Amino acid sequence: MYAVDVAKVSEYKKLVVAGASGDVRDIIGSEGTKKANKSAQEKYIKIIQSLDKNIQTLMTKEGYESFAANRLNTLSAKVCDKGNYTLQVTDFILEKNLYSAKEDKAGYYYEAKLKFISTDGKNERKDIAKGYIGLLKENGQWKVSIYRSETYPKLYKEILINEL
């Protein structure tokens, strides 16, 4: 769960345009496409990386791939774009670690307190998200290996009614 400001929404809009500017197979490739359009693919990847530049280094390779495959990395930006909001994480509460302190892994259920602010600054909505975060020690550093949302904010459900 991370903050979404106007710049992140702008990058998300570029991603949507890149995805809609032709056949998606040209961007991501497919079994039916012998070779993906390299320039379109590189542009798409750069936009995804710009959205994830602060979180990708905090995750294991497998954790990030799962996060991106489930499109959790663009979900907040998508909601903010469609609803004309920015998102602030006002608090992040972790429950007790589910593993022993001696292990090279940790697991926490979390609750994130959120504030959605309309881009004109006239409306604010407070909400919460709940889920699970798993960590692994990799080369002496703790990295996110699992990030799972279990309760989405109500605003997500209102805006993305059929997608959650």
C-alpha atoms as a PDB file:
ATOM      1  CA  MET A   1       0.000   0.000   0.000  1.00  0.00           C
ATOM      2  CA  TYR A   2       1.578   3.256  -1.024  1.00  0.00           C
ATOM      3  CA  ALA A   3       0.665   6.878  -1.610  1.00  0.00           C
ATOM      4  CA  VAL A   4      -0.675   7.861  -5.006  1.00  0.00           C
ATOM      5  CA  ASP A   5      -0.094  11.449  -6.062  1.00  0.00           C
ATOM      6  CA  VAL A   6      -0.821  13.329  -9.277  1.00  0.00           C
ATOM      7  CA  ALA A   7       2.502  12.216 -10.826  1.00  0.00           C
ATOM      8  CA  LYS A   8       1.702   8.532 -10.225  1.00  0.00           C
ATOM      9  CA  VAL A   9      -1.766   8.973 -11.769  1.00  0.00           C
ATOM     10  CA  SER A  10      -0.113  10.637 -14.779  1.00  0.00           C
ATOM     11  CA  GLU A  11       2.261   7.666 -15.185  1.00  0.00           C
ATOM     12  CA  TYR A  12      -0.706   5.295 -14.894  1.00  0.00           C
ATOM     13  CA  LYS A  13      -2.497   7.210 -17.685  1.00  0.00           C
ATOM     14  CA  LYS A  14       0.613   6.761 -19.883  1.00  0.00           C
ATOM     15  CA  LEU A  15       0.442   3.025 -19.163  1.00  0.00           C
ATOM     16  CA  VAL A  16      -3.200   2.905 -20.259  1.00  0.00           C
ATOM     17  CA  VAL A  17      -2.391   4.841 -23.436  1.00  0.00           C
ATOM     18  CA  ALA A  18       0.567   2.543 -24.164  1.00  0.00           C
ATOM     19  CA  GLY A  19      -1.674  -0.489 -23.681  1.00  0.00           C
ATOM     20  CA  ALA A  20      -4.460   0.954 -25.840  1.00  0.00           C
ATOM     21  CA  SER A  21      -2.246   2.339 -28.599  1.00  0.00           C
ATOM     22  CA  GLY A  22      -2.326  -0.880 -30.546  1.00  0.00           C
ATOM     23  CA  ASP A  23      -2.557  -4.580 -30.086  1.00  0.00           C
ATOM     24  CA  VAL A  24      -1.490  -5.510 -26.541  1.00  0.00           C
ATOM     25  CA  ARG A  25       0.276  -8.516 -28.058  1.00  0.00           C
ATOM     26  CA  ASP A  26       2.636  -6.028 -29.700  1.00  0.00           C
ATOM     27  CA  ILE A  27       3.585  -4.805 -26.255  1.00  0.00           C
ATOM     28  CA  ILE A  28       3.747  -7.967 -24.171  1.00  0.00           C
ATOM     29  CA  GLY A  29       4.139 -10.599 -26.883  1.00  0.00           C
ATOM     30  CA  SER A  30       2.223 -13.857 -27.037  1.00  0.00           C
ATOM     31  CA  GLU A  31       2.511 -17.340 -28.442  1.00  0.00           C
ATOM     32  CA  GLY A  32       0.729 -16.067 -31.552  1.00  0.00           C
ATOM     33  CA  THR A  33       3.222 -13.252 -32.010  1.00  0.00           C
ATOM     34  CA  LYS A  34       6.676 -14.356 -33.082  1.00  0.00           C
ATOM     35  CA  LYS A  35       8.309 -11.224 -31.793  1.00  0.00           C
ATOM     36  CA  ALA A  36       6.818  -8.483 -29.635  1.00  0.00           C
ATOM     37  CA  ASN A  37       7.282  -4.922 -30.864  1.00  0.00           C
ATOM     38  CA  LYS A  38      10.467  -4.080 -28.929  1.00  0.00           C
ATOM     39  CA  SER A  39       9.993  -0.304 -28.764  1.00  0.00           C
ATOM     40  CA  ALA A  40       6.361  -0.627 -27.588  1.00  0.00           C
ATOM     41  CA  GLN A  41       7.391  -3.286 -25.082  1.00  0.00           C
ATOM     42  CA  GLU A  42      10.281  -1.170 -23.752  1.00  0.00           C
ATOM     43  CA  LYS A  43       7.996   1.872 -23.384  1.00  0.00           C
ATOM     44  CA  TYR A  44       5.406  -0.191 -21.486  1.00  0.00           C
ATOM     45  CA  ILE A  45       8.063  -1.693 -19.184  1.00  0.00           C
ATOM     46  CA  LYS A  46       9.541   1.766 -18.447  1.00  0.00           C
ATOM     47  CA  ILE A  47       6.127   3.051 -17.399  1.00  0.00           C
ATOM     48  CA  ILE A  48       5.504   0.012 -15.163  1.00  0.00           C
ATOM     49  CA  GLN A  49       8.948   0.480 -13.616  1.00  0.00           C
ATOM     50  CA  SER A  50       8.258   4.167 -13.005  1.00  0.00           C
ATOM     51  CA  LEU A  51       5.120   3.185 -11.102  1.00  0.00           C
ATOM     52  CA  ASP A  52       7.053   0.608  -9.086  1.00  0.00           C
ATOM     53  CA  LYS A  53      10.492   2.227  -8.704  1.00  0.00           C
ATOM     54  CA  ASN A  54      10.112   2.634  -4.934  1.00  0.00           C
ATOM     55  CA  ILE A  55       8.695  -0.795  -4.193  1.00  0.00           C
ATOM     56  CA  GLN A  56      10.426  -3.138  -6.622  1.00  0.00           C
ATOM     57  CA  THR A  57      13.737  -3.038  -4.715  1.00  0.00           C
ATOM     58  CA  LEU A  58      11.925  -3.871  -1.475  1.00  0.00           C
ATOM     59  CA  MET A  59      10.584  -7.163  -2.817  1.00  0.00           C
ATOM     60  CA  THR A  60      11.951 -10.562  -3.727  1.00  0.00           C
ATOM     61  CA  LYS A  61      11.854 -11.360  -7.443  1.00  0.00           C
ATOM     62  CA  GLU A  62       9.021 -13.879  -6.950  1.00  0.00           C
ATOM     63  CA  GLY A  63       7.130 -11.546  -4.625  1.00  0.00           C
ATOM     64  CA  TYR A  64       7.284  -8.708  -7.133  1.00  0.00           C
ATOM     65  CA  GLU A  65       6.268 -10.946 -10.050  1.00  0.00           C
ATOM     66  CA  SER A  66       3.184 -12.090  -8.108  1.00  0.00           C
ATOM     67  CA  PHE A  67       2.407  -8.514  -7.080  1.00  0.00           C
ATOM     68  CA  ALA A  68       2.631  -7.315 -10.696  1.00  0.00           C
ATOM     69  CA  ALA A  69       0.855 -10.365 -12.164  1.00  0.00           C
ATOM     70  CA  ASN A  70      -2.127  -9.731  -9.901  1.00  0.00           C
ATOM     71  CA  ARG A  71      -1.977  -6.065 -10.939  1.00  0.00           C
ATOM     72  CA  LEU A  72      -1.792  -4.931  -7.327  1.00  0.00           C
ATOM     73  CA  ASN A  73       0.983  -2.557  -8.408  1.00  0.00           C
ATOM     74  CA  THR A  74      -1.431  -0.506 -10.529  1.00  0.00           C
ATOM     75  CA  LEU A  75      -4.645  -0.948  -8.540  1.00  0.00           C
ATOM     76  CA  SER A  76      -4.321   2.155  -6.343  1.00  0.00           C
ATOM     77  CA  ALA A  77      -3.294   4.354  -9.279  1.00  0.00           C
ATOM     78  CA  LYS A  78      -6.199   2.987 -11.333  1.00  0.00           C
ATOM     79  CA  VAL A  79      -8.721   3.819  -8.585  1.00  0.00           C
ATOM     80  CA  CYS A  80      -7.248   7.301  -8.120  1.00  0.00           C
ATOM     81  CA  ASP A  81      -7.343   7.924 -11.862  1.00  0.00           C
ATOM     82  CA  LYS A  82     -10.944   6.773 -12.308  1.00  0.00           C
ATOM     83  CA  GLY A  83     -12.209   8.507  -9.165  1.00  0.00           C
ATOM     84  CA  ASN A  84     -10.120  11.673  -9.477  1.00  0.00           C
ATOM     85  CA  TYR A  85      -8.367  11.162  -6.130  1.00  0.00           C
ATOM     86  CA  THR A  86      -4.945  11.108  -4.581  1.00  0.00           C
ATOM     87  CA  LEU A  87      -4.232   8.565  -1.847  1.00  0.00           C
ATOM     88  CA  GLN A  88      -2.362   9.023   1.398  1.00  0.00           C
ATOM     89  CA  VAL A  89      -1.429   6.196   3.760  1.00  0.00           C
ATOM     90  CA  THR A  90      -1.940   7.768   7.188  1.00  0.00           C
ATOM     91  CA  ASP A  91      -1.040   4.748   9.321  1.00  0.00           C
ATOM     92  CA  PHE A  92       0.191   1.204   8.830  1.00  0.00           C
ATOM     93  CA  ILE A  93      -0.341  -1.223  11.713  1.00  0.00           C
ATOM     94  CA  LEU A  94       1.306  -4.644  11.843  1.00  0.00           C
ATOM     95  CA  GLU A  95       0.089  -7.436  14.112  1.00  0.00           C
ATOM     96  CA  LYS A  96       2.519  -9.749  15.890  1.00  0.00           C
ATOM     97  CA  ASN A  97       5.019 -11.675  13.731  1.00  0.00           C
ATOM     98  CA  LEU A  98       3.691 -15.168  12.998  1.00  0.00           C
ATOM     99  CA  TYR A  99       7.210 -16.673  12.983  1.00  0.00           C
ATOM    100  CA  SER A 100      10.031 -17.009  15.494  1.00  0.00           C
ATOM    101  CA  ALA A 101      12.488 -14.106  15.678  1.00  0.00           C
ATOM    102  CA  LYS A 102      15.274 -16.629  14.936  1.00  0.00           C
ATOM    103  CA  GLU A 103      13.887 -17.478  11.481  1.00  0.00           C
ATOM    104  CA  ASP A 104      14.834 -15.752   8.248  1.00  0.00           C
ATOM    105  CA  LYS A 105      11.188 -15.094   7.532  1.00  0.00           C
ATOM    106  CA  ALA A 106       8.399 -13.073   9.056  1.00  0.00           C
ATOM    107  CA  GLY A 107       4.681 -12.757   8.452  1.00  0.00           C
ATOM    108  CA  TYR A 108       2.276 -10.066   9.574  1.00  0.00           C
ATOM    109  CA  TYR A 109      -1.366  -9.267   9.132  1.00  0.00           C
ATOM    110  CA  TYR A 110      -1.693  -5.536   8.568  1.00  0.00           C
ATOM    111  CA  GLU A 111      -4.205  -2.729   8.593  1.00  0.00           C
ATOM    112  CA  ALA A 112      -3.534   0.366   6.519  1.00  0.00           C
ATOM    113  CA  LYS A 113      -5.424   3.552   7.300  1.00  0.00           C
ATOM    114  CA  LEU A 114      -6.004   5.566   4.156  1.00  0.00           C
ATOM    115  CA  LYS A 115      -7.148   9.021   3.143  1.00  0.00           C
ATOM    116  CA  PHE A 116      -8.523   9.657  -0.345  1.00  0.00           C
ATOM    117  CA  ILE A 117      -8.449  13.328  -1.298  1.00  0.00           C
ATOM    118  CA  SER A 118     -10.276  14.634  -4.366  1.00  0.00           C
ATOM    119  CA  THR A 119      -7.905  16.364  -6.754  1.00  0.00           C
ATOM    120  CA  ASP A 120      -9.796  19.637  -6.240  1.00  0.00           C
ATOM    121  CA  GLY A 121      -9.172  19.251  -2.475  1.00  0.00           C
ATOM    122  CA  LYS A 122     -12.856  19.598  -1.598  1.00  0.00           C
ATOM    123  CA  ASN A 123     -13.588  16.019  -0.541  1.00  0.00           C
ATOM    124  CA  GLU A 124     -11.802  13.577   1.737  1.00  0.00           C
ATOM    125  CA  ARG A 125     -12.673   9.988   2.490  1.00  0.00           C
ATOM    126  CA  LYS A 126     -11.036   7.870   5.147  1.00  0.00           C
ATOM    127  CA  ASP A 127     -10.935   4.119   4.788  1.00  0.00           C
ATOM    128  CA  ILE A 128      -8.918   1.035   5.660  1.00  0.00           C
ATOM    129  CA  ALA A 129      -7.329  -1.872   3.829  1.00  0.00           C
ATOM    130  CA  LYS A 130      -6.330  -5.146   5.447  1.00  0.00           C
ATOM    131  CA  GLY A 131      -4.126  -7.973   4.324  1.00  0.00           C
ATOM    132  CA  TYR A 132      -1.007 -10.038   4.884  1.00  0.00           C
ATOM    133  CA  ILE A 133       2.632  -9.267   4.243  1.00  0.00           C
ATOM    134  CA  GLY A 134       5.365 -11.930   4.251  1.00  0.00           C
ATOM    135  CA  LEU A 135       9.067 -11.136   4.478  1.00  0.00           C
ATOM    136  CA  LEU A 136      12.191 -13.159   3.709  1.00  0.00           C
ATOM    137  CA  LYS A 137      15.775 -12.343   4.534  1.00  0.00           C
ATOM    138  CA  GLU A 138      17.666 -12.190   1.245  1.00  0.00           C
ATOM    139  CA  ASN A 139      21.394 -11.408   1.255  1.00  0.00           C
ATOM    140  CA  GLY A 140      21.088  -9.965   4.755  1.00  0.00           C
ATOM    141  CA  GLN A 141      18.149  -7.684   3.854  1.00  0.00           C
ATOM    142  CA  TRP A 142      14.467  -8.130   4.593  1.00  0.00           C
ATOM    143  CA  LYS A 143      12.353  -8.172   1.436  1.00  0.00           C
ATOM    144  CA  VAL A 144       8.639  -8.577   0.817  1.00  0.00           C
ATOM    145  CA  SER A 145       7.913 -12.067  -0.504  1.00  0.00           C
ATOM    146  CA  ILE A 146       4.112 -12.009  -0.230  1.00  0.00           C
ATOM    147  CA  TYR A 147       1.730  -9.067  -0.311  1.00  0.00           C
ATOM    148  CA  ARG A 148      -1.918 -10.036  -0.175  1.00  0.00           C
ATOM    149  CA  SER A 149      -4.928  -7.780   0.194  1.00  0.00           C
ATOM    150  CA  GLU A 150      -7.814  -9.304   2.101  1.00  0.00           C
ATOM    151  CA  THR A 151     -10.071  -6.286   2.627  1.00  0.00           C
ATOM    152  CA  TYR A 152     -10.058  -3.571   0.014  1.00  0.00           C
ATOM    153  CA  PRO A 153     -11.155  -0.015   0.766  1.00  0.00           C
ATOM    154  CA  LYS A 154     -14.846   0.600   0.047  1.00  0.00           C
ATOM    155  CA  LEU A 155     -13.916   3.182  -2.579  1.00  0.00           C
ATOM    156  CA  TYR A 156     -12.054   0.506  -4.582  1.00  0.00           C
ATOM    157  CA  LYS A 157     -15.208  -1.593  -4.673  1.00  0.00           C
ATOM    158  CA  GLU A 158     -17.354   1.394  -5.687  1.00  0.00           C
ATOM    159  CA  ILE A 159     -15.071   2.421  -8.540  1.00  0.00           C
ATOM    160  CA  LEU A 160     -13.944  -1.018  -9.737  1.00  0.00           C
ATOM    161  CA  ILE A 161     -17.189  -2.826  -8.988  1.00  0.00           C
ATOM    162  CA  ASN A 162     -16.591  -5.835 -11.270  1.00  0.00           C
ATOM    163  CA  GLU A 163     -12.818  -6.055 -11.044  1.00  0.00           C
ATOM    164  CA  LEU A 164     -12.231  -7.075  -7.408  1.00  0.00           C
END
